[in-house]
Each structure stands twice: as C-alpha cells, then as structure tokens.
C-alpha cells in the first residue's frame, strides 16, 4: 500500500510538473504579445521592418537613415525621395550608395540594402529665406527568411530648416 501511495504521489508530481511547463510556455507567448515582441514566424509591420530617420544637419543638408531589421532587405531601385509642401526649398539630386547584389525571385539580379544606409539630401534654397517641407521617402523591401515582400511604401517627415 505504501508503494502504491508513493507511485500515486510521483505520478501526481509528474502531472503537475507537465502542467506547469505547459502553462509557462503558454504564458511566455502571452507575455511576448503583452511586451510587444513579435512572433518570428509572422512578418513585422513595415515601420518596424524598415526604420527610417530623417535629420536636419544644417540649412542645406538633411540625412536620411534607412535601417532594415535583421533578415530584411530594401530594394535599392525603389528607394527615392521627394519634397512635399516645400516652402522656400527643394531637394537637389540624390545619389544612393551602392547596395549588395542579390539574385531576387521577383526582380532578377538587383541591388539591396541589408544594413543601415545613410543618404545625404542636398537642399536648394535662397539664402536667408525660412524654409519648411516634408521629405517623403519611398521604399520597398522583403523579409528574406520568410520570403515575404512588402508593398511599395512611403513615409513622410515634416522638417523645418534653420
């Protein structure tokens, strides 16, 4: 009888341990969602997959930094910039840095950015004229691991120049 009772306790302990492990695993998924961590099998939203920052350097220069998330890449040929609501300034010609060559299932051989890239935007404006505008960044990219590509996207950054 003592032996049976010990076996029942062992079995009960094993069941409790299994339930605890299942519960912890389920809670971890819930905790990830609460903390904003994404499921690695789900694509990131575009604003997290491709973070973009636009900073004014001086009255005639703006730097745009495009940062693809790990395992993501941007198509170089889709990256472009435009000025919107420009008052007293306009964008000059833009020279994009070279990318890495990639054999892409959609575009064939193309250049991509897999690391942060900085682009200098020269502004043309009359001296002493206050200026404001929005820099619009156009881009498209993919998650290489999941094989998911994002539609062409644009993000607008209002800026005021000194």
N, C-alpha and C. Protein backbone atom coordinates (compact mmCIF):
# COMPACT_ATOMS: atom_id res chain seq x y z
N UNK A 1 0.82 -1.19 0.00
CA UNK A 1 0.00 0.00 0.00
C UNK A 1 0.87 1.26 0.00
N UNK A 2 1.95 1.23 0.80
CA UNK A 2 2.86 2.37 0.84
C UNK A 2 3.46 2.62 -0.55
N UNK A 3 3.77 1.50 -1.22
CA UNK A 3 4.37 1.60 -2.55
C UNK A 3 3.40 2.26 -3.53
N UNK A 4 2.12 1.87 -3.47
CA UNK A 4 1.11 2.45 -4.36
C UNK A 4 0.94 3.94 -4.09
N UNK A 5 0.93 4.28 -2.81
CA UNK A 5 0.77 5.69 -2.43
C UNK A 5 1.96 6.51 -2.96
N UNK A 6 3.17 5.99 -2.86
CA UNK A 6 4.36 6.69 -3.36
C UNK A 6 4.28 6.86 -4.88
N UNK A 7 3.80 5.81 -5.56
CA UNK A 7 3.65 5.90 -7.01
C UNK A 7 2.61 6.94 -7.41
N UNK A 8 1.53 7.00 -6.65
CA UNK A 8 0.48 7.99 -6.92
C UNK A 8 1.05 9.40 -6.74
N UNK A 9 1.84 9.60 -5.68
CA UNK A 9 2.44 10.91 -5.45
C UNK A 9 3.43 11.27 -6.57
N UNK A 10 4.21 10.28 -7.00
CA UNK A 10 5.15 10.53 -8.10
C UNK A 10 4.40 10.89 -9.38
N UNK A 11 3.36 10.12 -9.67
CA UNK A 11 2.57 10.38 -10.86
C UNK A 11 1.92 11.77 -10.78
N UNK A 12 1.37 12.08 -9.62
CA UNK A 12 0.76 13.40 -9.42
C UNK A 12 1.78 14.52 -9.59
N UNK A 13 2.98 14.31 -9.07
CA UNK A 13 4.05 15.30 -9.21
C UNK A 13 4.45 15.49 -10.66
N UNK A 14 4.54 14.37 -11.39
CA UNK A 14 4.90 14.44 -12.81
C UNK A 14 3.83 15.18 -13.60
N UNK A 15 2.56 14.90 -13.31
CA UNK A 15 1.46 15.58 -13.99
C UNK A 15 1.50 17.08 -13.67
N UNK A 16 1.72 17.42 -12.40
CA UNK A 16 1.78 18.82 -12.00
C UNK A 16 2.94 19.54 -12.70
N UNK A 17 4.09 18.86 -12.80
CA UNK A 17 5.24 19.44 -13.47
C UNK A 17 4.94 19.68 -14.96
N UNK A 18 4.31 18.70 -15.62
CA UNK A 18 3.94 18.86 -17.03
C UNK A 18 2.98 20.02 -17.22
N UNK A 19 1.98 20.11 -16.36
CA UNK A 19 1.02 21.22 -16.45
C UNK A 19 1.70 22.56 -16.24
N UNK A 20 2.64 22.60 -15.29
CA UNK A 20 3.36 23.85 -15.03
C UNK A 20 4.18 24.26 -16.25
N UNK A 21 4.85 23.29 -16.88
CA UNK A 21 5.66 23.60 -18.07
C UNK A 21 4.79 24.08 -19.22
N UNK A 22 3.65 23.43 -19.44
CA UNK A 22 2.72 23.86 -20.49
C UNK A 22 2.22 25.27 -20.19
N UNK A 23 1.89 25.52 -18.94
CA UNK A 23 1.40 26.84 -18.54
C UNK A 23 2.46 27.91 -18.75
N UNK A 24 3.72 27.61 -18.38
CA UNK A 24 4.80 28.58 -18.55
C UNK A 24 5.01 28.87 -20.03
N UNK A 25 4.97 27.83 -20.86
CA UNK A 25 5.15 28.01 -22.30
C UNK A 25 4.03 28.89 -22.88
N UNK A 26 2.80 28.63 -22.50
CA UNK A 26 1.67 29.43 -22.97
C UNK A 26 1.78 30.86 -22.46
N UNK A 27 2.19 31.01 -21.20
CA UNK A 27 2.34 32.35 -20.63
C UNK A 27 3.44 33.12 -21.33
N UNK A 28 4.50 32.44 -21.75
CA UNK A 28 5.59 33.12 -22.44
C UNK A 28 5.08 33.74 -23.73
N UNK A 29 4.25 33.01 -24.47
CA UNK A 29 3.67 33.56 -25.70
C UNK A 29 2.80 34.76 -25.40
N UNK A 30 2.01 34.68 -24.34
CA UNK A 30 1.16 35.79 -23.94
C UNK A 30 2.02 36.96 -23.49
N UNK A 31 3.07 36.67 -22.72
CA UNK A 31 3.96 37.73 -22.25
C UNK A 31 4.64 38.43 -23.43
N UNK A 32 5.06 37.66 -24.43
CA UNK A 32 5.65 38.26 -25.63
C UNK A 32 4.68 39.23 -26.28
N UNK A 33 3.42 38.84 -26.38
CA UNK A 33 2.42 39.72 -27.00
C UNK A 33 2.22 40.98 -26.17
N UNK A 34 2.14 40.81 -24.83
CA UNK A 34 1.94 41.96 -23.95
C UNK A 34 3.13 42.92 -24.04
N UNK A 35 4.34 42.37 -24.13
CA UNK A 35 5.54 43.20 -24.20
C UNK A 35 5.84 43.72 -25.60
N UNK A 36 5.00 43.35 -26.57
CA UNK A 36 5.18 43.84 -27.92
C UNK A 36 6.19 43.06 -28.74
N UNK A 37 6.63 41.93 -28.23
CA UNK A 37 7.55 41.10 -29.02
C UNK A 37 6.74 40.37 -30.08
N UNK A 38 7.31 40.26 -31.27
CA UNK A 38 6.55 39.62 -32.34
C UNK A 38 6.91 38.15 -32.47
N UNK A 39 6.01 37.42 -33.06
CA UNK A 39 6.21 36.01 -33.37
C UNK A 39 7.16 35.95 -34.56
N UNK A 40 8.30 35.24 -34.43
CA UNK A 40 9.26 35.22 -35.53
C UNK A 40 8.72 34.62 -36.83
N UNK A 41 7.60 33.90 -36.75
CA UNK A 41 7.02 33.34 -37.97
C UNK A 41 6.04 34.31 -38.63
N UNK A 42 5.80 35.45 -38.01
CA UNK A 42 4.91 36.48 -38.56
C UNK A 42 5.75 37.65 -39.08
N UNK A 43 5.38 38.22 -40.23
CA UNK A 43 6.13 39.39 -40.72
C UNK A 43 5.94 40.60 -39.81
N UNK A 44 6.98 41.40 -39.70
CA UNK A 44 6.90 42.64 -38.93
C UNK A 44 6.07 43.66 -39.71
N UNK A 45 5.45 44.62 -39.02
CA UNK A 45 4.81 45.72 -39.75
C UNK A 45 5.90 46.53 -40.47
N UNK A 46 5.58 47.16 -41.59
CA UNK A 46 6.61 47.87 -42.38
C UNK A 46 7.43 48.87 -41.57
N UNK A 47 6.80 49.59 -40.64
CA UNK A 47 7.54 50.60 -39.89
C UNK A 47 8.56 49.99 -38.93
N UNK A 48 8.41 48.72 -38.58
CA UNK A 48 9.42 48.04 -37.76
C UNK A 48 10.41 47.28 -38.64
N UNK A 49 9.95 46.79 -39.77
CA UNK A 49 10.83 46.06 -40.69
C UNK A 49 11.86 47.01 -41.32
N UNK A 50 11.46 48.27 -41.55
CA UNK A 50 12.32 49.25 -42.20
C UNK A 50 12.20 50.56 -41.44
N UNK A 51 13.11 50.79 -40.51
CA UNK A 51 13.05 52.02 -39.72
C UNK A 51 13.77 53.13 -40.48
N UNK A 52 13.11 54.28 -40.51
CA UNK A 52 13.65 55.42 -41.26
C UNK A 52 13.71 56.63 -40.34
N UNK A 53 14.83 57.33 -40.43
CA UNK A 53 15.02 58.54 -39.63
C UNK A 53 15.50 59.63 -40.58
N UNK A 54 14.94 60.82 -40.45
CA UNK A 54 15.36 61.97 -41.26
C UNK A 54 15.78 63.08 -40.30
N UNK A 55 17.02 63.55 -40.46
CA UNK A 55 17.56 64.57 -39.56
C UNK A 55 18.11 65.76 -40.35
N UNK A 56 17.83 66.95 -39.85
CA UNK A 56 18.38 68.18 -40.44
C UNK A 56 19.80 68.35 -39.92
N UNK A 57 20.76 68.50 -40.84
CA UNK A 57 22.16 68.73 -40.46
C UNK A 57 22.43 70.23 -40.38
N UNK A 58 22.02 70.93 -41.43
CA UNK A 58 22.15 72.38 -41.47
C UNK A 58 21.09 72.91 -42.44
N UNK A 59 21.17 74.18 -42.78
CA UNK A 59 20.15 74.79 -43.62
C UNK A 59 20.07 74.27 -45.04
N UNK A 60 21.07 73.47 -45.45
CA UNK A 60 21.08 72.96 -46.83
C UNK A 60 21.30 71.45 -46.91
N UNK A 61 21.27 70.77 -45.77
CA UNK A 61 21.56 69.33 -45.78
C UNK A 61 20.66 68.57 -44.82
N UNK A 62 20.14 67.47 -45.31
CA UNK A 62 19.34 66.55 -44.49
C UNK A 62 19.94 65.16 -44.70
N UNK A 63 20.00 64.38 -43.62
CA UNK A 63 20.48 62.99 -43.71
C UNK A 63 19.30 62.06 -43.46
N UNK A 64 19.10 61.12 -44.36
CA UNK A 64 18.08 60.07 -44.18
C UNK A 64 18.81 58.77 -43.89
N UNK A 65 18.39 58.08 -42.83
CA UNK A 65 18.97 56.78 -42.49
C UNK A 65 17.88 55.74 -42.60
N UNK A 66 18.12 54.72 -43.41
CA UNK A 66 17.17 53.62 -43.61
C UNK A 66 17.79 52.37 -43.01
N UNK A 67 17.10 51.74 -42.07
CA UNK A 67 17.64 50.59 -41.35
C UNK A 67 16.71 49.39 -41.49
N UNK A 68 17.10 48.40 -42.30
CA UNK A 68 16.28 47.18 -42.37
C UNK A 68 16.48 46.34 -41.10
N UNK A 69 15.42 45.72 -40.63
CA UNK A 69 15.51 44.82 -39.48
C UNK A 69 16.35 43.59 -39.89
N UNK A 70 16.85 42.83 -38.90
CA UNK A 70 17.58 41.61 -39.25
C UNK A 70 16.74 40.72 -40.17
N UNK A 71 17.40 40.10 -41.13
CA UNK A 71 16.79 39.19 -42.11
C UNK A 71 15.89 39.91 -43.12
N UNK A 72 15.94 41.24 -43.15
CA UNK A 72 15.17 42.04 -44.10
C UNK A 72 16.12 42.75 -45.05
N UNK A 73 15.61 43.15 -46.19
CA UNK A 73 16.41 43.95 -47.12
C UNK A 73 15.50 44.90 -47.88
N UNK A 74 16.09 46.03 -48.28
CA UNK A 74 15.41 47.04 -49.08
C UNK A 74 15.94 46.96 -50.51
N UNK A 75 15.05 47.10 -51.48
CA UNK A 75 15.47 47.19 -52.87
C UNK A 75 16.02 48.59 -53.13
N UNK A 76 17.26 48.68 -53.56
CA UNK A 76 17.89 49.98 -53.81
C UNK A 76 17.10 50.77 -54.85
N UNK A 77 16.64 50.08 -55.91
CA UNK A 77 15.98 50.81 -57.00
C UNK A 77 14.61 51.37 -56.61
N UNK A 78 14.07 50.97 -55.46
CA UNK A 78 12.78 51.52 -55.04
C UNK A 78 12.94 52.68 -54.05
N UNK A 79 14.17 52.90 -53.57
CA UNK A 79 14.39 53.99 -52.60
C UNK A 79 14.51 55.30 -53.36
N UNK A 80 13.61 56.22 -53.04
CA UNK A 80 13.69 57.55 -53.63
C UNK A 80 13.10 58.56 -52.65
N UNK A 81 13.35 59.81 -52.93
CA UNK A 81 12.96 60.90 -52.03
C UNK A 81 12.27 61.99 -52.83
N UNK A 82 11.31 62.65 -52.18
CA UNK A 82 10.62 63.77 -52.81
C UNK A 82 10.32 64.81 -51.73
N UNK A 83 10.19 66.06 -52.17
CA UNK A 83 9.80 67.14 -51.28
C UNK A 83 8.31 67.40 -51.46
N UNK A 84 7.63 67.62 -50.35
CA UNK A 84 6.20 67.91 -50.38
C UNK A 84 5.97 69.16 -49.54
N UNK A 85 5.02 69.97 -49.96
CA UNK A 85 4.70 71.22 -49.25
C UNK A 85 5.95 72.07 -49.02
N UNK A 86 6.82 72.09 -50.02
CA UNK A 86 8.08 72.82 -49.88
C UNK A 86 7.84 74.31 -49.98
N UNK A 87 8.26 75.02 -48.96
CA UNK A 87 8.15 76.48 -48.93
C UNK A 87 9.56 77.04 -48.78
N UNK A 88 10.11 77.54 -49.87
CA UNK A 88 11.44 78.16 -49.81
C UNK A 88 12.60 77.20 -50.01
N UNK A 89 12.34 75.92 -50.31
CA UNK A 89 13.43 74.96 -50.52
C UNK A 89 12.95 73.82 -51.40
N UNK A 90 13.91 73.15 -52.03
CA UNK A 90 13.58 71.94 -52.79
C UNK A 90 14.76 70.98 -52.70
N UNK A 91 14.49 69.70 -52.95
CA UNK A 91 15.54 68.70 -52.92
C UNK A 91 16.38 68.77 -54.18
N UNK A 92 17.70 68.68 -54.00
CA UNK A 92 18.60 68.58 -55.14
C UNK A 92 18.71 67.12 -55.56
N UNK A 93 19.58 66.82 -56.53
CA UNK A 93 19.77 65.44 -56.96
C UNK A 93 20.24 64.56 -55.80
N UNK A 94 19.80 63.31 -55.81
CA UNK A 94 20.14 62.36 -54.74
C UNK A 94 21.01 61.25 -55.32
N UNK A 95 22.11 60.95 -54.65
CA UNK A 95 22.98 59.83 -55.05
C UNK A 95 22.88 58.75 -53.98
N UNK A 96 22.31 57.61 -54.37
CA UNK A 96 22.19 56.50 -53.42
C UNK A 96 23.49 55.70 -53.37
N UNK A 97 23.89 55.25 -52.17
CA UNK A 97 25.07 54.39 -52.08
C UNK A 97 24.82 53.06 -52.79
N UNK A 98 25.90 52.42 -53.21
CA UNK A 98 25.77 51.10 -53.83
C UNK A 98 25.23 50.12 -52.80
N UNK A 99 24.49 49.14 -53.30
CA UNK A 99 23.98 48.09 -52.44
C UNK A 99 24.74 46.80 -52.67
N UNK A 100 24.23 45.72 -52.11
CA UNK A 100 24.77 44.39 -52.29
C UNK A 100 24.00 43.71 -53.42
N UNK A 101 24.69 43.06 -54.34
CA UNK A 101 23.99 42.36 -55.43
C UNK A 101 23.27 41.14 -54.88
N UNK A 102 22.05 40.94 -55.38
CA UNK A 102 21.23 39.82 -54.94
C UNK A 102 20.46 39.27 -56.13
N UNK A 103 20.39 37.96 -56.21
CA UNK A 103 19.54 37.33 -57.23
C UNK A 103 18.16 37.20 -56.59
N UNK A 104 17.23 38.00 -57.07
CA UNK A 104 15.91 38.09 -56.46
C UNK A 104 14.88 37.37 -57.33
N UNK A 105 13.96 36.60 -56.70
CA UNK A 105 12.96 35.88 -57.49
C UNK A 105 11.99 36.80 -58.24
N UNK A 106 11.84 38.05 -57.78
CA UNK A 106 10.90 38.98 -58.41
C UNK A 106 11.58 39.90 -59.42
N UNK A 107 12.78 40.42 -59.07
CA UNK A 107 13.45 41.42 -59.89
C UNK A 107 14.70 40.90 -60.60
N UNK A 108 15.03 39.63 -60.46
CA UNK A 108 16.27 39.12 -61.05
C UNK A 108 17.46 39.66 -60.27
N UNK A 109 18.57 39.93 -60.97
CA UNK A 109 19.74 40.47 -60.26
C UNK A 109 19.48 41.93 -59.96
N UNK A 110 19.59 42.27 -58.70
CA UNK A 110 19.30 43.63 -58.25
C UNK A 110 20.20 43.97 -57.07
N UNK A 111 20.21 45.24 -56.69
CA UNK A 111 20.97 45.67 -55.52
C UNK A 111 20.00 45.87 -54.36
N UNK A 112 20.46 45.44 -53.17
CA UNK A 112 19.65 45.58 -51.96
C UNK A 112 20.49 46.16 -50.84
N UNK A 113 19.79 46.68 -49.84
CA UNK A 113 20.43 47.14 -48.61
C UNK A 113 20.00 46.20 -47.50
N UNK A 114 20.99 45.57 -46.85
CA UNK A 114 20.71 44.68 -45.72
C UNK A 114 21.17 45.29 -44.41
N UNK A 115 21.93 46.37 -44.50
CA UNK A 115 22.46 47.08 -43.33
C UNK A 115 21.96 48.52 -43.39
N UNK A 116 22.09 49.26 -42.27
CA UNK A 116 21.69 50.67 -42.31
C UNK A 116 22.44 51.42 -43.42
N UNK A 117 21.72 52.30 -44.08
CA UNK A 117 22.31 53.10 -45.14
C UNK A 117 21.94 54.57 -44.91
N UNK A 118 22.93 55.45 -45.07
CA UNK A 118 22.69 56.88 -44.93
C UNK A 118 22.72 57.54 -46.30
N UNK A 119 21.76 58.41 -46.51
CA UNK A 119 21.66 59.14 -47.78
C UNK A 119 21.66 60.63 -47.45
N UNK A 120 22.57 61.36 -48.08
CA UNK A 120 22.63 62.81 -47.89
C UNK A 120 21.72 63.46 -48.92
N UNK A 121 20.81 64.29 -48.41
CA UNK A 121 19.88 65.02 -49.27
C UNK A 121 20.30 66.49 -49.27
N UNK A 122 20.71 66.98 -50.42
CA UNK A 122 21.08 68.39 -50.54
C UNK A 122 19.82 69.19 -50.82
N UNK A 123 19.70 70.31 -50.13
CA UNK A 123 18.54 71.19 -50.32
C UNK A 123 18.98 72.44 -51.06
N UNK A 124 18.17 72.85 -52.00
CA UNK A 124 18.44 74.08 -52.73
C UNK A 124 17.47 75.13 -52.20
N UNK A 125 18.04 76.25 -51.71
CA UNK A 125 17.19 77.31 -51.18
C UNK A 125 17.92 78.64 -51.25
N UNK A 126 17.15 79.68 -51.26
CA UNK A 126 17.73 81.03 -51.27
C UNK A 126 18.23 81.36 -49.87
N UNK A 127 19.34 82.08 -49.81
CA UNK A 127 19.93 82.44 -48.52
C UNK A 127 18.97 83.31 -47.71
N UNK A 128 18.88 83.01 -46.43
CA UNK A 128 18.08 83.80 -45.51
C UNK A 128 16.58 83.61 -45.60
N UNK A 129 16.11 82.74 -46.48
CA UNK A 129 14.68 82.50 -46.61
C UNK A 129 14.28 81.35 -45.69
N UNK A 130 13.34 81.58 -44.75
CA UNK A 130 12.91 80.48 -43.90
C UNK A 130 12.29 79.37 -44.76
N UNK A 131 12.53 78.15 -44.39
CA UNK A 131 12.02 77.06 -45.21
C UNK A 131 11.49 75.92 -44.35
N UNK A 132 10.44 75.32 -44.86
CA UNK A 132 9.91 74.10 -44.26
C UNK A 132 9.43 73.22 -45.40
N UNK A 133 9.44 71.94 -45.18
CA UNK A 133 8.97 70.99 -46.18
C UNK A 133 8.80 69.64 -45.52
N UNK A 134 8.20 68.74 -46.25
CA UNK A 134 8.13 67.34 -45.82
C UNK A 134 8.99 66.54 -46.78
N UNK A 135 9.85 65.71 -46.21
CA UNK A 135 10.63 64.78 -47.03
C UNK A 135 9.84 63.48 -47.07
N UNK A 136 9.51 63.04 -48.28
CA UNK A 136 8.77 61.79 -48.46
C UNK A 136 9.78 60.74 -48.93
N UNK A 137 9.82 59.62 -48.19
CA UNK A 137 10.73 58.52 -48.52
C UNK A 137 9.89 57.38 -49.08
N UNK A 138 10.25 56.94 -50.28
CA UNK A 138 9.58 55.81 -50.94
C UNK A 138 10.52 54.61 -50.87
N UNK A 139 9.97 53.43 -50.59
CA UNK A 139 10.82 52.24 -50.49
C UNK A 139 9.98 50.97 -50.58
N UNK A 140 10.67 49.86 -50.81
CA UNK A 140 10.05 48.54 -50.79
C UNK A 140 11.12 47.54 -50.40
N UNK A 141 10.71 46.52 -49.65
CA UNK A 141 11.67 45.51 -49.23
C UNK A 141 10.99 44.20 -48.90
N UNK A 142 11.80 43.26 -48.42
CA UNK A 142 11.32 41.91 -48.14
C UNK A 142 11.93 41.38 -46.84
N UNK A 143 11.28 40.36 -46.30
CA UNK A 143 11.84 39.55 -45.22
C UNK A 143 12.41 38.31 -45.91
N UNK A 144 13.73 38.21 -45.96
CA UNK A 144 14.38 37.12 -46.67
C UNK A 144 14.10 35.76 -46.08
N UNK A 145 14.02 35.66 -44.75
CA UNK A 145 13.80 34.36 -44.11
C UNK A 145 12.41 33.83 -44.39
N UNK A 146 11.40 34.70 -44.30
CA UNK A 146 10.02 34.26 -44.51
C UNK A 146 9.63 34.26 -45.99
N UNK A 147 10.42 34.94 -46.83
CA UNK A 147 10.05 35.03 -48.24
C UNK A 147 8.84 35.92 -48.47
N UNK A 148 8.66 36.90 -47.58
CA UNK A 148 7.52 37.82 -47.67
C UNK A 148 8.03 39.18 -48.11
N UNK A 149 7.40 39.74 -49.15
CA UNK A 149 7.76 41.08 -49.60
C UNK A 149 6.63 42.05 -49.25
N UNK A 150 7.03 43.25 -48.91
CA UNK A 150 6.10 44.30 -48.54
C UNK A 150 5.71 45.10 -49.78
N UNK A 151 4.50 45.66 -49.81
CA UNK A 151 4.14 46.50 -50.95
C UNK A 151 4.96 47.80 -50.92
N UNK A 152 5.06 48.49 -52.05
CA UNK A 152 5.75 49.79 -52.03
C UNK A 152 5.12 50.69 -50.96
N UNK A 153 5.98 51.34 -50.20
CA UNK A 153 5.54 52.13 -49.04
C UNK A 153 6.16 53.52 -49.13
N UNK A 154 5.48 54.49 -48.53
CA UNK A 154 6.05 55.83 -48.41
C UNK A 154 5.80 56.35 -47.01
N UNK A 155 6.78 57.10 -46.51
CA UNK A 155 6.68 57.70 -45.18
C UNK A 155 7.07 59.16 -45.31
N UNK A 156 6.32 60.02 -44.62
CA UNK A 156 6.52 61.47 -44.73
C UNK A 156 7.10 62.02 -43.43
N UNK A 157 8.11 62.89 -43.57
CA UNK A 157 8.78 63.51 -42.42
C UNK A 157 8.76 65.03 -42.58
N UNK A 158 7.91 65.74 -41.81
CA UNK A 158 7.93 67.20 -41.89
C UNK A 158 9.19 67.75 -41.20
N UNK A 159 9.85 68.71 -41.84
CA UNK A 159 11.04 69.31 -41.25
C UNK A 159 11.00 70.83 -41.40
N UNK A 160 11.68 71.49 -40.50
CA UNK A 160 11.86 72.95 -40.57
C UNK A 160 13.36 73.19 -40.59
N UNK A 161 13.78 74.01 -41.52
CA UNK A 161 15.21 74.28 -41.68
C UNK A 161 15.62 75.54 -40.93
N UNK A 162 16.85 75.55 -40.40
CA UNK A 162 17.33 76.74 -39.69
C UNK A 162 17.62 77.88 -40.66
